[in-house]
Amino acid sequence: MEEMISAQAHVIGYVVGGGLEANLQVRLTVPPQDVQEGSFVVVDSGGWRFYGLVTDLQLGSTNPRFADEQSEERLPRQLAELLHGQTLYTNLAVMPVLMMERGPELGTKEYSQWKDLHPDEAKPITVKTVPSHHSPVMLADAADIAQIFGTDNHAEIFTIGYTREQGHPVCMDLDKFVKRSSGIFGTTGSGKSFLARMILAGLIHANHASALIFDMHNEYGPDSSSSDTGAAVPGLKGKFGGKIQLVGLGAGTSFGKLNADLSLEIAQSDITSEDILLLSQALNLNETAATVLAALERDFGTDWFNAFMRMETGTSEQDENGKSVPAPDSVEAWAGASNVHPKSALALHQKLGRLRSKTYLIADPATKGLKAIIESLEHGNSVILSFGKSNTELDYLLVTNLITRKIRDHWEERTEAFHAKKDSKVTEPRPLVVVVEEAHKLLNREMASQTIFSTIAREMRKYYVTLLIIDQRPSQIYDEVMSQLGTRISGSLGDEDDINAVLSGLPGRGALRGMLSKLQAKEEALLLGWGVPMPIPIRSRRYDDKFWDVLLDDTKGPKTIDEASRALGFGG
């Protein structure tokens, strides 16, 4: 067995102690510079292979005196090196994560018997025991990485980066990724936007889910340039063409040199009291606003906003007794008739005036923009919404919440119809990923309970809708929302609270904290959570022309006769 191990991989050490909770201790037999924190290692013990991460390197000595004395200055070089080899050493702390049964040595009678009892291919499982003392430890090779993370299939198994030491590809299953909400985090300049664009490109290319991208800074649709290097940065529209629909908020919104495929104008009747209460902080609403809004919806139904904004303020007329009373079309007259305090109604009318001036809020839009967006997503396209000049926090809060609420209602209805199976023509809803930048503005502790996004994070995966949140301050996102994120991808973070937020609720977070704090900006990321089999730091794939050449390479061709026939137009 030892000869087989040596032939397959380079042994870097052997197990000398430790445990599941305290990590394994590995005596290093190669120079410490050959191994880094975060290295992916494998340990063979009996019929099992263990997979783990290096979380620390510790210098030690058989006697403190040998570490204190510089023997190379008083002894010949060869003798000093021999002494160092016997008295000074380096231990690795290895966090075991997964284990997989390998059975007896390949080719033996015992292996054949074992294989008969285990006909199915072995799968890695969560580690439940420890390897034996002196079990050999090796750096994982390309086959080990592929065994755990899969092999890029030019579809849903997508290469997201490479191991930092040997450069072996690390893949992510995009179908699994979209089944739960996820987050991409990192400080400004850490490369999180490039990571997000890369993953979205993989999702769109795999064509297993649609994406609705709320693009605050016009980064995802059109081609742009890097703020640091000035190099060209390809946009998604130029690469995917008709698979991407560019939607501008309001008439005249453009995407740089590209025109919008659709201008989104929102009917005032689509605004609900929930949408307004979401803006309580942005509009500085007082506590009585909810009472006034409830009365408006009771009296005017879905037309309440338009009706309220048409009312005059401060107008009066003479009654039959010559007394001055509020004019019939005034806010004060309506408030009196509806048993609402006039000053509260006037205050709300004044503050909602900020919304009346929004050019994208129309009493009677010529096109059904929201319906068109939903239909485009259902038909397999992805939608990028640009806010154009309407890019204030007020615009972002109102529009993202309103559109997402409509989508939530539609996908719930579609899912329930699909499960009811009353109509054979009703197909399974297409998975949808809602991409939200600056997520802490919508999902902080004060706002989370009011926005639709927290509902999506908690409940909507059963309705085929999940979130992808992108943010530089994960510590400001509500804890309950963070706990619902299945996959977390983080670039470098400098703030201790942000690091703790990304690692919250994950096993081994104490050991992972050091890895996350030492990531190289723009080059490295840490993959964590439900969407990947085990945590691993990677060297990020570069978002450049090579990435697009590989992703869109269709020269691989069909692999089966049926696929070839379909490619030529024959068959179903």
Protein backbone atom coordinates (compact mmCIF):
# COMPACT_ATOMS: atom_id res chain seq x y z
CA MET A 1 0.00 0.00 0.00
CA GLU A 2 2.82 2.41 0.86
CA GLU A 3 4.50 1.78 -2.52
CA MET A 4 1.22 2.54 -4.32
CA ILE A 5 0.82 5.79 -2.39
CA SER A 6 4.37 6.90 -3.22
CA ALA A 7 3.82 6.20 -6.89
CA GLN A 8 0.61 8.21 -6.99
CA ALA A 9 1.48 11.30 -5.00
CA HIS A 10 4.24 13.05 -3.15
CA VAL A 11 3.97 12.41 0.60
CA ILE A 12 4.49 15.60 2.61
CA GLY A 13 4.09 14.21 6.11
CA TYR A 14 2.37 11.80 8.47
CA VAL A 15 -0.30 12.01 11.17
CA VAL A 16 1.06 12.30 14.71
CA GLY A 17 -2.06 13.27 16.69
CA GLY A 18 -5.16 15.43 16.92
CA GLY A 19 -8.87 14.75 16.53
CA LEU A 20 -12.07 15.74 14.79
CA GLU A 21 -12.63 18.86 16.89
CA ALA A 22 -9.02 19.77 17.63
CA ASN A 23 -7.78 19.17 14.04
CA LEU A 24 -5.21 16.61 13.01
CA GLN A 25 -1.53 17.17 13.76
CA VAL A 26 0.73 16.26 10.84
CA ARG A 27 4.52 16.07 11.06
CA LEU A 28 5.86 17.72 7.90
CA THR A 29 8.62 15.89 6.01
CA VAL A 30 9.18 18.59 3.37
CA PRO A 31 10.26 22.23 3.79
CA PRO A 32 7.43 24.32 5.29
CA GLN A 33 7.59 26.68 2.31
CA ASP A 34 6.21 23.84 0.14
CA VAL A 35 2.86 24.01 1.96
CA GLN A 36 0.54 26.97 2.55
CA GLU A 37 -2.36 27.68 4.85
CA GLY A 38 -5.48 26.55 3.00
CA SER A 39 -3.74 23.71 1.13
CA PHE A 40 -6.06 20.83 0.24
CA VAL A 41 -4.54 17.57 1.53
CA VAL A 42 -5.55 13.91 1.52
CA VAL A 43 -4.78 11.24 4.11
CA ASP A 44 -4.93 7.51 3.37
CA SER A 45 -5.68 5.24 6.29
CA GLY A 46 -6.77 1.64 5.89
CA GLY A 47 -9.56 1.48 3.34
CA TRP A 48 -10.46 5.16 3.69
CA ARG A 49 -9.27 8.41 2.19
CA PHE A 50 -9.68 11.59 4.24
CA TYR A 51 -9.85 15.09 2.76
CA GLY A 52 -8.90 18.18 4.73
CA LEU A 53 -7.54 21.72 4.75
CA VAL A 54 -4.33 23.00 6.28
CA THR A 55 -5.37 25.64 8.81
CA ASP A 56 -2.03 26.36 10.48
CA LEU A 57 1.72 25.66 10.35
CA GLN A 58 3.56 25.42 13.67
CA LEU A 59 7.33 25.31 14.22
CA GLY A 60 8.49 22.93 16.95
CA SER A 61 11.59 21.30 18.43
CA THR A 62 12.40 18.23 20.50
CA ASN A 63 14.05 20.57 22.97
CA PRO A 64 13.65 24.37 23.18
CA ARG A 65 17.44 24.71 23.39
CA PHE A 66 17.87 23.45 19.82
CA ALA A 67 15.45 26.12 18.55
CA ASP A 68 17.16 28.90 20.49
CA GLU A 69 20.73 28.07 19.46
CA GLN A 70 21.93 28.85 15.94
CA SER A 71 23.89 25.66 15.42
CA GLU A 72 24.80 26.56 11.84
CA GLU A 73 27.12 29.26 13.18
CA ARG A 74 29.13 26.93 15.41
CA LEU A 75 28.92 23.60 13.55
CA PRO A 76 29.85 22.52 10.01
CA ARG A 77 26.98 22.98 7.55
CA GLN A 78 26.32 19.28 6.98
CA LEU A 79 26.34 18.54 10.68
CA ALA A 80 24.03 21.49 11.40
CA GLU A 81 21.59 20.30 8.74
CA LEU A 82 21.63 16.79 10.19
CA LEU A 83 21.00 18.18 13.67
CA HIS A 84 18.14 20.35 12.40
CA GLY A 85 16.54 17.32 10.74
CA GLN A 86 16.57 15.42 14.00
CA THR A 87 15.62 18.17 16.45
CA LEU A 88 13.60 20.86 14.59
CA TYR A 89 10.33 20.19 12.79
CA THR A 90 7.13 21.73 11.45
CA ASN A 91 3.63 20.49 12.27
CA LEU A 92 0.54 21.12 10.17
CA ALA A 93 -2.90 21.62 11.71
CA VAL A 94 -5.32 19.92 9.31
CA MET A 95 -9.08 20.30 9.56
CA PRO A 96 -10.62 17.02 8.34
CA VAL A 97 -13.79 17.66 6.33
CA LEU A 98 -14.70 14.64 4.20
CA MET A 99 -13.93 10.93 4.02
CA MET A 100 -14.50 8.31 1.33
CA GLU A 101 -14.27 4.53 1.48
CA ARG A 102 -11.70 3.23 -1.00
CA GLY A 103 -11.63 -0.43 0.01
CA PRO A 104 -8.62 -2.78 0.01
CA GLU A 105 -5.69 -2.36 -2.38
CA LEU A 106 -6.71 -2.38 -6.03
CA GLY A 107 -6.08 -5.73 -7.78
CA THR A 108 -6.20 -7.90 -4.68
CA LYS A 109 -8.71 -10.65 -3.92
CA GLU A 110 -9.96 -8.61 -0.97
CA TYR A 111 -10.70 -5.69 -3.30
CA SER A 112 -12.83 -7.88 -5.60
CA GLN A 113 -14.83 -9.14 -2.65
CA TRP A 114 -15.26 -5.62 -1.31
CA LYS A 115 -16.34 -4.33 -4.73
CA ASP A 116 -19.02 -7.03 -4.97
CA LEU A 117 -20.45 -5.73 -1.69
CA HIS A 118 -20.14 -2.09 -2.84
CA PRO A 119 -21.19 -2.02 -6.53
CA ASP A 120 -22.06 1.68 -6.53
CA GLU A 121 -19.34 4.28 -6.91
CA ALA A 122 -18.16 5.53 -3.53
CA LYS A 123 -19.14 9.09 -2.60
CA PRO A 124 -17.43 11.39 -0.11
CA ILE A 125 -19.30 11.80 3.18
CA THR A 126 -18.88 14.12 6.15
CA VAL A 127 -15.93 13.03 8.24
CA LYS A 128 -16.96 10.87 11.20
CA THR A 129 -13.68 9.35 12.39
CA VAL A 130 -9.94 9.99 12.21
CA PRO A 131 -7.05 8.33 10.37
CA SER A 132 -4.55 6.20 12.25
CA HIS A 133 -1.24 7.40 13.62
CA HIS A 134 1.49 7.72 10.96
CA SER A 135 -1.01 7.67 8.08
CA PRO A 136 0.66 9.34 5.07
CA VAL A 137 -0.47 12.86 4.13
CA MET A 138 -0.27 14.19 0.57
CA LEU A 139 -1.16 17.36 -1.28
CA ALA A 140 -4.32 16.70 -3.27
CA ASP A 141 -3.75 16.14 -6.98
CA ALA A 142 -6.03 16.97 -9.90
CA ALA A 143 -7.91 13.65 -9.54
CA ASP A 144 -8.63 14.34 -5.86
CA ILE A 145 -9.94 17.82 -6.66
CA ALA A 146 -12.14 16.42 -9.43
CA GLN A 147 -13.41 13.67 -7.12
CA ILE A 148 -14.71 16.27 -4.67
CA PHE A 149 -15.64 19.25 -6.85
CA GLY A 150 -16.38 17.58 -10.19
CA THR A 151 -15.02 18.13 -13.69
CA ASP A 152 -16.06 21.02 -15.93
CA ASN A 153 -18.61 19.68 -18.43
CA HIS A 154 -19.06 22.93 -20.37
CA ALA A 155 -22.50 23.26 -18.76
CA GLU A 156 -23.65 23.24 -15.14
CA ILE A 157 -20.31 21.97 -13.72
CA PHE A 158 -18.39 25.22 -13.97
CA THR A 159 -14.74 26.03 -13.23
CA ILE A 160 -14.68 28.95 -10.80
CA GLY A 161 -10.97 28.95 -9.97
CA TYR A 162 -7.85 26.92 -9.25
CA THR A 163 -6.01 25.56 -6.24
CA ARG A 164 -3.40 28.04 -5.14
CA GLU A 165 -0.38 25.70 -5.11
CA GLN A 166 -0.65 23.43 -8.17
CA GLY A 167 -3.33 25.27 -10.14
CA HIS A 168 -5.79 22.35 -10.33
CA PRO A 169 -9.27 23.47 -11.50
CA VAL A 170 -11.97 23.80 -8.82
CA CYS A 171 -15.55 23.49 -10.07
CA MET A 172 -18.97 24.41 -8.73
CA ASP A 173 -22.28 22.72 -9.55
CA LEU A 174 -24.42 25.64 -10.77
CA ASP A 175 -27.63 23.61 -10.54
CA LYS A 176 -26.97 23.09 -6.84
CA PHE A 177 -25.82 26.69 -6.45
CA VAL A 178 -29.19 28.11 -7.58
CA LYS A 179 -31.28 25.86 -5.35
CA ARG A 180 -30.57 28.06 -2.33
CA SER A 181 -29.82 31.74 -1.91
CA SER A 182 -26.16 32.71 -1.98
CA GLY A 183 -23.83 35.66 -1.42
CA ILE A 184 -20.67 37.12 -2.93
CA PHE A 185 -18.73 39.34 -0.53
CA GLY A 186 -15.54 41.38 -0.49
CA THR A 187 -14.23 44.85 0.14
CA THR A 188 -14.30 47.49 -2.59
CA GLY A 189 -11.62 46.51 -5.10
CA SER A 190 -11.50 42.86 -4.01
CA GLY A 191 -12.88 41.60 -7.32
CA LYS A 192 -16.36 40.57 -6.17
CA SER A 193 -18.03 42.19 -9.20
CA PHE A 194 -15.83 40.14 -11.54
CA LEU A 195 -16.65 37.00 -9.56
CA ALA A 196 -20.35 37.82 -9.87
CA ARG A 197 -20.09 38.41 -13.62
CA MET A 198 -18.20 35.14 -14.05
CA ILE A 199 -20.81 33.11 -12.17
CA LEU A 200 -23.68 34.82 -14.00
CA ALA A 201 -21.98 34.08 -17.31
CA GLY A 202 -21.76 30.42 -16.30
CA LEU A 203 -25.44 30.36 -15.29
CA ILE A 204 -26.61 32.00 -18.51
CA HIS A 205 -24.43 29.72 -20.64
CA ALA A 206 -25.65 26.57 -18.85
CA ASN A 207 -29.23 27.77 -19.51
CA HIS A 208 -30.67 25.99 -16.48
CA ALA A 209 -31.93 29.15 -14.76
CA SER A 210 -32.82 32.75 -15.54
CA ALA A 211 -31.36 35.77 -13.76
CA LEU A 212 -32.92 39.12 -12.91
CA ILE A 213 -30.06 41.53 -12.25
CA PHE A 214 -30.68 44.86 -10.54
CA ASP A 215 -27.70 46.74 -11.96
CA MET A 216 -27.12 49.92 -9.94
CA HIS A 217 -23.86 50.88 -11.60
CA ASN A 218 -24.34 49.70 -15.21
CA GLU A 219 -21.66 47.02 -14.80
CA TYR A 220 -23.26 43.85 -16.13
CA GLY A 221 -24.91 44.59 -19.47
CA PRO A 222 -22.66 46.76 -21.67
CA ASP A 223 -18.92 46.48 -22.24
CA SER A 224 -16.92 48.65 -19.86
CA SER A 225 -13.35 49.15 -18.69
CA SER A 226 -11.54 48.31 -15.47
CA SER A 227 -11.29 51.24 -13.07
CA ASP A 228 -7.79 50.09 -12.05
CA THR A 229 -6.11 49.08 -15.31
CA GLY A 230 -8.32 50.64 -17.98
CA ALA A 231 -8.52 47.24 -19.71
CA ALA A 232 -11.69 46.37 -21.59
CA VAL A 233 -14.24 44.40 -19.58
CA PRO A 234 -16.79 42.45 -21.69
CA GLY A 235 -20.44 42.84 -20.76
CA LEU A 236 -22.99 40.03 -20.75
CA LYS A 237 -25.13 41.52 -23.53
CA GLY A 238 -22.32 41.54 -26.08
CA LYS A 239 -21.49 37.90 -25.40
CA PHE A 240 -24.97 36.39 -25.09
CA GLY A 241 -26.97 38.66 -27.41
CA GLY A 242 -30.64 37.69 -27.43
CA LYS A 243 -30.35 35.68 -24.21
CA ILE A 244 -30.01 39.01 -22.37
CA GLN A 245 -32.74 41.63 -22.28
CA LEU A 246 -31.60 45.12 -21.29
CA VAL A 247 -34.33 47.01 -19.46
CA GLY A 248 -33.99 50.71 -18.70
CA LEU A 249 -35.95 52.29 -15.86
CA GLY A 250 -38.02 55.02 -17.48
CA ALA A 251 -38.01 56.30 -21.04
CA GLY A 252 -34.64 57.26 -22.49
CA THR A 253 -32.46 55.15 -20.17
CA SER A 254 -29.53 53.70 -22.10
CA PHE A 255 -26.71 51.24 -21.42
CA GLY A 256 -23.70 53.22 -22.52
CA LYS A 257 -23.53 52.77 -26.28
CA LEU A 258 -26.34 50.19 -26.20
CA ASN A 259 -30.00 51.03 -26.37
CA ALA A 260 -32.43 49.40 -23.97
CA ASP A 261 -34.47 46.48 -25.31
CA LEU A 262 -37.35 47.68 -23.15
CA SER A 263 -38.12 50.86 -21.22
CA LEU A 264 -39.81 50.05 -17.94
CA GLU A 265 -42.58 52.37 -16.82
CA ILE A 266 -44.41 51.33 -13.68
CA ALA A 267 -48.14 51.92 -13.27
CA GLN A 268 -49.00 53.94 -10.20
CA SER A 269 -51.69 51.35 -9.50
CA ASP A 270 -48.93 48.79 -8.92
CA ILE A 271 -47.76 50.64 -5.80
CA THR A 272 -49.11 49.24 -2.54
CA SER A 273 -49.01 50.58 0.99
CA GLU A 274 -46.37 47.91 1.74
CA ASP A 275 -44.10 49.48 -0.86
CA ILE A 276 -44.50 52.91 0.76
CA LEU A 277 -43.93 51.65 4.30
CA LEU A 278 -40.69 50.10 3.07
CA LEU A 279 -39.57 53.66 2.34
CA SER A 280 -40.35 54.92 5.84
CA GLN A 281 -36.74 55.78 6.56
CA ALA A 282 -35.97 57.19 3.11
CA LEU A 283 -39.12 59.36 3.13
CA ASN A 284 -38.95 60.13 6.85
CA LEU A 285 -42.51 58.94 7.42
CA ASN A 286 -44.05 59.24 10.86
CA GLU A 287 -45.93 56.56 12.78
CA THR A 288 -49.34 57.68 11.53
CA ALA A 289 -48.46 57.02 7.87
CA ALA A 290 -49.65 53.41 8.08
CA THR A 291 -53.11 54.53 9.23
CA VAL A 292 -53.43 57.05 6.40
CA LEU A 293 -52.26 54.50 3.80
CA ALA A 294 -54.76 51.91 5.03
CA ALA A 295 -57.57 54.45 4.68
CA LEU A 296 -56.45 55.38 1.14
CA GLU A 297 -56.41 51.76 -0.02
CA ARG A 298 -59.80 51.20 1.60
CA ASP A 299 -61.34 54.19 -0.20
CA PHE A 300 -59.64 54.05 -3.61
CA GLY A 301 -58.36 50.49 -4.01
CA THR A 302 -55.38 50.04 -6.36
CA ASP A 303 -55.85 53.60 -7.68
CA TRP A 304 -55.10 55.12 -4.26
CA PHE A 305 -51.71 56.69 -5.20
CA ASN A 306 -53.02 58.47 -8.29
CA ALA A 307 -56.16 59.62 -6.48
CA PHE A 308 -54.20 60.92 -3.49
CA MET A 309 -51.66 62.78 -5.60
CA ARG A 310 -54.45 64.54 -7.56
CA MET A 311 -55.86 66.01 -4.37
CA GLU A 312 -55.15 69.67 -3.67
CA THR A 313 -53.79 70.95 -0.38
CA GLY A 314 -54.85 74.11 1.47
CA THR A 315 -57.82 74.89 -0.80
CA SER A 316 -61.13 75.91 0.72
CA GLU A 317 -64.58 77.24 -0.16
CA GLN A 318 -67.57 78.87 1.54
CA ASP A 319 -70.34 76.61 2.77
CA GLU A 320 -74.02 77.67 2.78
CA ASN A 321 -73.49 79.38 6.12
CA GLY A 322 -70.58 81.42 4.80
CA LYS A 323 -68.06 79.38 6.77
CA SER A 324 -64.74 78.45 5.18
CA VAL A 325 -64.42 74.67 4.73
CA PRO A 326 -61.92 72.45 2.84
CA ALA A 327 -62.62 72.16 -0.89
CA PRO A 328 -64.16 68.82 -1.97
CA ASP A 329 -61.06 67.80 -3.96
CA SER A 330 -58.61 68.58 -1.13
CA VAL A 331 -56.61 66.31 1.15
CA GLU A 332 -58.25 67.95 4.16
CA ALA A 333 -61.77 67.17 2.87
CA TRP A 334 -60.92 63.53 2.25
CA ALA A 335 -59.25 63.21 5.66
CA GLY A 336 -62.33 64.60 7.41
CA ALA A 337 -64.66 62.28 5.54
CA SER A 338 -62.46 59.22 6.19
CA ASN A 339 -61.85 59.89 9.88
CA VAL A 340 -58.13 60.54 9.31
CA HIS A 341 -56.18 63.27 11.07
CA PRO A 342 -55.77 66.09 8.48
CA LYS A 343 -52.20 66.95 9.51
CA SER A 344 -51.14 63.30 9.15
CA ALA A 345 -52.72 63.15 5.68
CA LEU A 346 -51.06 66.41 4.64
CA ALA A 347 -47.67 65.22 5.89
CA LEU A 348 -47.92 62.00 3.89
CA HIS A 349 -49.11 63.86 0.78
CA GLN A 350 -46.10 66.16 0.96
CA LYS A 351 -43.61 63.32 1.38
CA LEU A 352 -45.12 61.21 -1.39
CA GLY A 353 -44.58 64.18 -3.67
CA ARG A 354 -41.00 62.92 -4.07
CA LEU A 355 -42.39 59.84 -5.82
CA ARG A 356 -44.85 61.76 -8.00
CA SER A 357 -41.89 63.42 -9.72
CA LYS A 358 -40.39 60.07 -10.74
CA THR A 359 -40.58 59.82 -14.52
CA TYR A 360 -40.92 56.02 -14.45
CA LEU A 361 -44.12 56.15 -12.35
CA ILE A 362 -46.96 56.62 -14.84
CA ALA A 363 -50.70 56.71 -14.28
CA ASP A 364 -51.35 54.68 -17.42
CA PRO A 365 -48.18 53.24 -19.05
CA ALA A 366 -48.34 52.54 -22.77
CA THR A 367 -46.60 49.17 -22.34
CA LYS A 368 -46.91 46.44 -19.74
CA GLY A 369 -43.25 46.47 -18.72
CA LEU A 370 -43.54 44.30 -15.62
CA LYS A 371 -45.49 41.66 -17.53
CA ALA A 372 -42.89 41.72 -20.33
CA ILE A 373 -40.06 41.17 -17.82
CA ILE A 374 -41.80 38.18 -16.26
CA GLU A 375 -42.53 36.63 -19.65
CA SER A 376 -38.92 37.11 -20.75
CA LEU A 377 -37.63 35.39 -17.60
CA GLU A 378 -40.08 32.51 -18.02
CA HIS A 379 -38.98 31.99 -21.63
CA GLY A 380 -35.37 31.43 -20.61
CA ASN A 381 -33.87 34.90 -20.99
CA SER A 382 -32.08 36.88 -18.31
CA VAL A 383 -32.95 40.51 -17.58
CA ILE A 384 -30.60 43.32 -16.58
CA LEU A 385 -32.38 46.36 -15.17
CA SER A 386 -30.45 49.63 -15.35
CA PHE A 387 -31.55 52.48 -13.11
CA GLY A 388 -30.00 55.12 -15.36
CA LYS A 389 -30.36 58.58 -13.82
CA SER A 390 -32.93 57.27 -11.33
CA ASN A 391 -30.20 55.83 -9.17
CA THR A 392 -30.93 57.20 -5.71
CA GLU A 393 -31.46 54.96 -2.72
CA LEU A 394 -35.17 55.83 -2.84
CA ASP A 395 -35.43 54.57 -6.44
CA TYR A 396 -33.52 51.41 -5.65
CA LEU A 397 -35.62 50.53 -2.61
CA LEU A 398 -38.95 51.16 -4.32
CA VAL A 399 -38.30 49.55 -7.69
CA THR A 400 -36.43 46.43 -6.57
CA ASN A 401 -39.00 45.62 -3.92
CA LEU A 402 -42.00 46.29 -6.17
CA ILE A 403 -40.71 44.23 -9.11
CA THR A 404 -39.56 41.36 -6.91
CA ARG A 405 -42.91 41.23 -5.11
CA LYS A 406 -44.66 40.84 -8.47
CA ILE A 407 -42.25 38.07 -9.41
CA ARG A 408 -42.74 36.33 -6.07
CA ASP A 409 -46.52 36.29 -6.55
CA HIS A 410 -46.22 34.97 -10.11
CA TRP A 411 -43.73 32.19 -9.32
CA GLU A 412 -45.78 31.07 -6.31
CA GLU A 413 -48.88 30.85 -8.50
CA ARG A 414 -46.98 28.92 -11.20
CA THR A 415 -45.49 26.50 -8.68
CA GLU A 416 -48.81 25.77 -7.02
CA ALA A 417 -50.42 25.17 -10.43
CA PHE A 418 -47.58 22.82 -11.38
CA HIS A 419 -47.87 20.77 -8.19
CA ALA A 420 -51.66 20.63 -8.46
CA LYS A 421 -51.24 18.95 -11.89
CA LYS A 422 -54.77 19.85 -12.93
CA ASP A 423 -53.54 20.89 -16.36
CA SER A 424 -50.95 18.76 -18.16
CA LYS A 425 -49.85 21.83 -20.13
CA VAL A 426 -48.56 23.55 -16.98
CA THR A 427 -44.80 23.05 -16.98
CA GLU A 428 -42.37 23.19 -14.07
CA PRO A 429 -41.39 26.80 -13.29
CA ARG A 430 -37.98 27.86 -14.54
CA PRO A 431 -35.52 28.50 -11.68
CA LEU A 432 -34.89 32.22 -11.15
CA VAL A 433 -31.99 33.97 -9.47
CA VAL A 434 -32.60 37.56 -8.33
CA VAL A 435 -29.28 39.43 -8.19
CA VAL A 436 -29.11 42.31 -5.72
CA GLU A 437 -26.16 44.68 -5.29
CA GLU A 438 -25.67 46.85 -2.21
CA ALA A 439 -27.72 44.22 -0.39
CA HIS A 440 -27.22 45.76 3.06
CA LYS A 441 -29.47 48.67 2.02
CA LEU A 442 -32.37 46.24 1.61
CA LEU A 443 -31.48 43.55 4.12
CA ASN A 444 -30.21 45.38 7.20
CA ARG A 445 -31.84 44.73 10.55
CA GLU A 446 -34.25 47.67 10.20
CA MET A 447 -35.35 46.92 6.62
CA ALA A 448 -35.20 43.12 6.34
CA SER A 449 -38.58 42.47 7.92
CA GLN A 450 -40.26 44.85 5.44
CA THR A 451 -38.64 43.80 2.16
CA ILE A 452 -39.63 40.91 -0.05
CA PHE A 453 -35.98 39.83 -0.23
CA SER A 454 -35.91 38.40 3.27
CA THR A 455 -38.99 36.36 2.37
CA ILE A 456 -37.23 35.02 -0.71
CA ALA A 457 -34.15 34.08 1.33
CA ARG A 458 -36.28 32.22 3.89
CA GLU A 459 -39.08 30.64 1.88
CA MET A 460 -38.91 31.04 -1.89
CA ARG A 461 -36.54 28.24 -2.87
CA LYS A 462 -39.54 25.88 -2.82
CA TYR A 463 -41.02 28.20 -5.45
CA TYR A 464 -37.85 28.09 -7.61
CA VAL A 465 -36.70 31.63 -6.71
CA THR A 466 -33.43 32.37 -4.90
CA LEU A 467 -31.26 35.40 -4.20
CA LEU A 468 -27.69 36.19 -5.15
CA ILE A 469 -26.63 39.10 -2.96
CA ILE A 470 -23.45 41.07 -3.63
CA ASP A 471 -22.11 43.27 -0.87
CA GLN A 472 -18.99 44.73 0.74
CA ARG A 473 -20.44 44.89 4.27
CA PRO A 474 -21.92 41.49 5.16
CA SER A 475 -21.94 42.44 8.85
CA GLN A 476 -24.72 44.94 8.11
CA ILE A 477 -27.00 42.27 6.63
CA TYR A 478 -29.59 40.87 9.03
CA ASP A 479 -28.37 37.70 10.78
CA GLU A 480 -31.48 35.72 9.86
CA VAL A 481 -30.91 36.43 6.17
CA MET A 482 -27.21 35.52 6.35
CA SER A 483 -28.13 32.21 7.96
CA GLN A 484 -30.26 31.34 4.90
CA LEU A 485 -27.41 31.75 2.40
CA GLY A 486 -26.44 28.31 1.18
CA THR A 487 -23.26 29.27 -0.68
CA ARG A 488 -20.91 32.07 0.29
CA ILE A 489 -18.06 33.23 -1.91
CA SER A 490 -15.82 35.81 -0.32
CA GLY A 491 -12.93 37.87 -1.53
CA SER A 492 -10.70 39.70 0.93
CA LEU A 493 -12.38 41.39 3.91
CA GLY A 494 -10.60 43.72 6.29
CA ASP A 495 -13.21 44.21 9.00
CA GLU A 496 -13.41 41.58 11.74
CA ASP A 497 -17.19 41.91 11.96
CA ASP A 498 -17.53 41.28 8.21
CA ILE A 499 -15.34 38.18 8.46
CA ASN A 500 -17.42 36.84 11.34
CA ALA A 501 -20.64 37.50 9.39
CA VAL A 502 -19.47 35.51 6.35
CA LEU A 503 -18.45 32.57 8.55
CA SER A 504 -21.50 32.66 10.83
CA GLY A 505 -23.23 29.32 11.26
CA LEU A 506 -20.52 27.33 9.46
CA PRO A 507 -18.55 24.48 11.08
CA GLY A 508 -14.84 25.11 11.59
CA ARG A 509 -15.24 28.88 11.33
CA GLY A 510 -12.43 29.45 13.83
CA ALA A 511 -9.97 27.68 11.54
CA LEU A 512 -11.36 29.37 8.41
CA ARG A 513 -11.07 32.89 9.84
CA GLY A 514 -7.32 33.00 9.23
CA MET A 515 -7.70 31.94 5.60
CA LEU A 516 -10.34 34.56 4.91
CA SER A 517 -8.33 37.36 6.49
CA LYS A 518 -5.23 36.57 4.39
CA LEU A 519 -6.77 36.38 0.91
CA GLN A 520 -5.02 38.36 -1.81
CA ALA A 521 -7.27 41.11 -3.17
CA LYS A 522 -8.47 40.59 -6.77
CA GLU A 523 -6.73 37.21 -6.95
CA GLU A 524 -8.18 34.87 -4.36
CA ALA A 525 -11.53 33.87 -2.90
CA LEU A 526 -12.85 31.46 -0.29
CA LEU A 527 -15.67 29.08 -1.27
CA LEU A 528 -17.94 28.07 1.61
CA GLY A 529 -21.28 26.58 2.45
CA TRP A 530 -23.93 24.30 1.02
CA GLY A 531 -23.11 24.82 -2.64
CA VAL A 532 -19.60 23.34 -2.40
CA PRO A 533 -18.67 19.96 -0.85
CA MET A 534 -16.07 21.54 1.45
CA PRO A 535 -14.50 24.96 2.08
CA ILE A 536 -11.54 25.79 -0.11
CA PRO A 537 -9.51 28.91 -0.92
CA ILE A 538 -8.95 29.35 -4.64
CA ARG A 539 -7.10 31.53 -7.08
CA SER A 540 -10.00 33.13 -8.94
CA ARG A 541 -10.49 32.48 -12.61
CA ARG A 542 -9.74 35.65 -14.54
CA TYR A 543 -12.60 37.44 -16.25
CA ASP A 544 -10.87 38.09 -19.58
CA ASP A 545 -10.93 37.09 -23.24
CA LYS A 546 -9.54 33.65 -22.42
CA PHE A 547 -12.44 33.04 -20.04
CA TRP A 548 -14.95 33.87 -22.78
CA ASP A 549 -13.10 31.82 -25.41
CA VAL A 550 -13.29 28.75 -23.17
CA LEU A 551 -16.86 29.35 -21.97
CA LEU A 552 -18.34 29.94 -25.42
CA ASP A 553 -16.23 27.31 -27.19
CA ASP A 554 -18.75 25.24 -29.11
CA THR A 555 -16.13 23.23 -31.02
CA LYS A 556 -16.39 20.31 -28.61
CA GLY A 557 -19.44 19.15 -30.50
CA PRO A 558 -22.06 16.54 -29.65
CA LYS A 559 -20.80 13.36 -28.01
CA THR A 560 -23.61 10.94 -28.90
CA ILE A 561 -25.42 9.95 -32.11
CA ASP A 562 -28.69 11.41 -30.77
CA GLU A 563 -26.99 14.73 -29.94
CA ALA A 564 -25.38 14.83 -33.39
CA SER A 565 -28.74 14.18 -35.04
CA ARG A 566 -30.38 16.99 -33.09
CA ALA A 567 -27.51 19.33 -33.97
CA LEU A 568 -28.13 18.58 -37.67
CA GLY A 569 -31.86 19.19 -37.30
CA PHE A 570 -33.06 15.58 -37.26
CA GLY A 571 -35.20 14.11 -34.52
CA GLY A 572 -36.81 15.79 -31.51
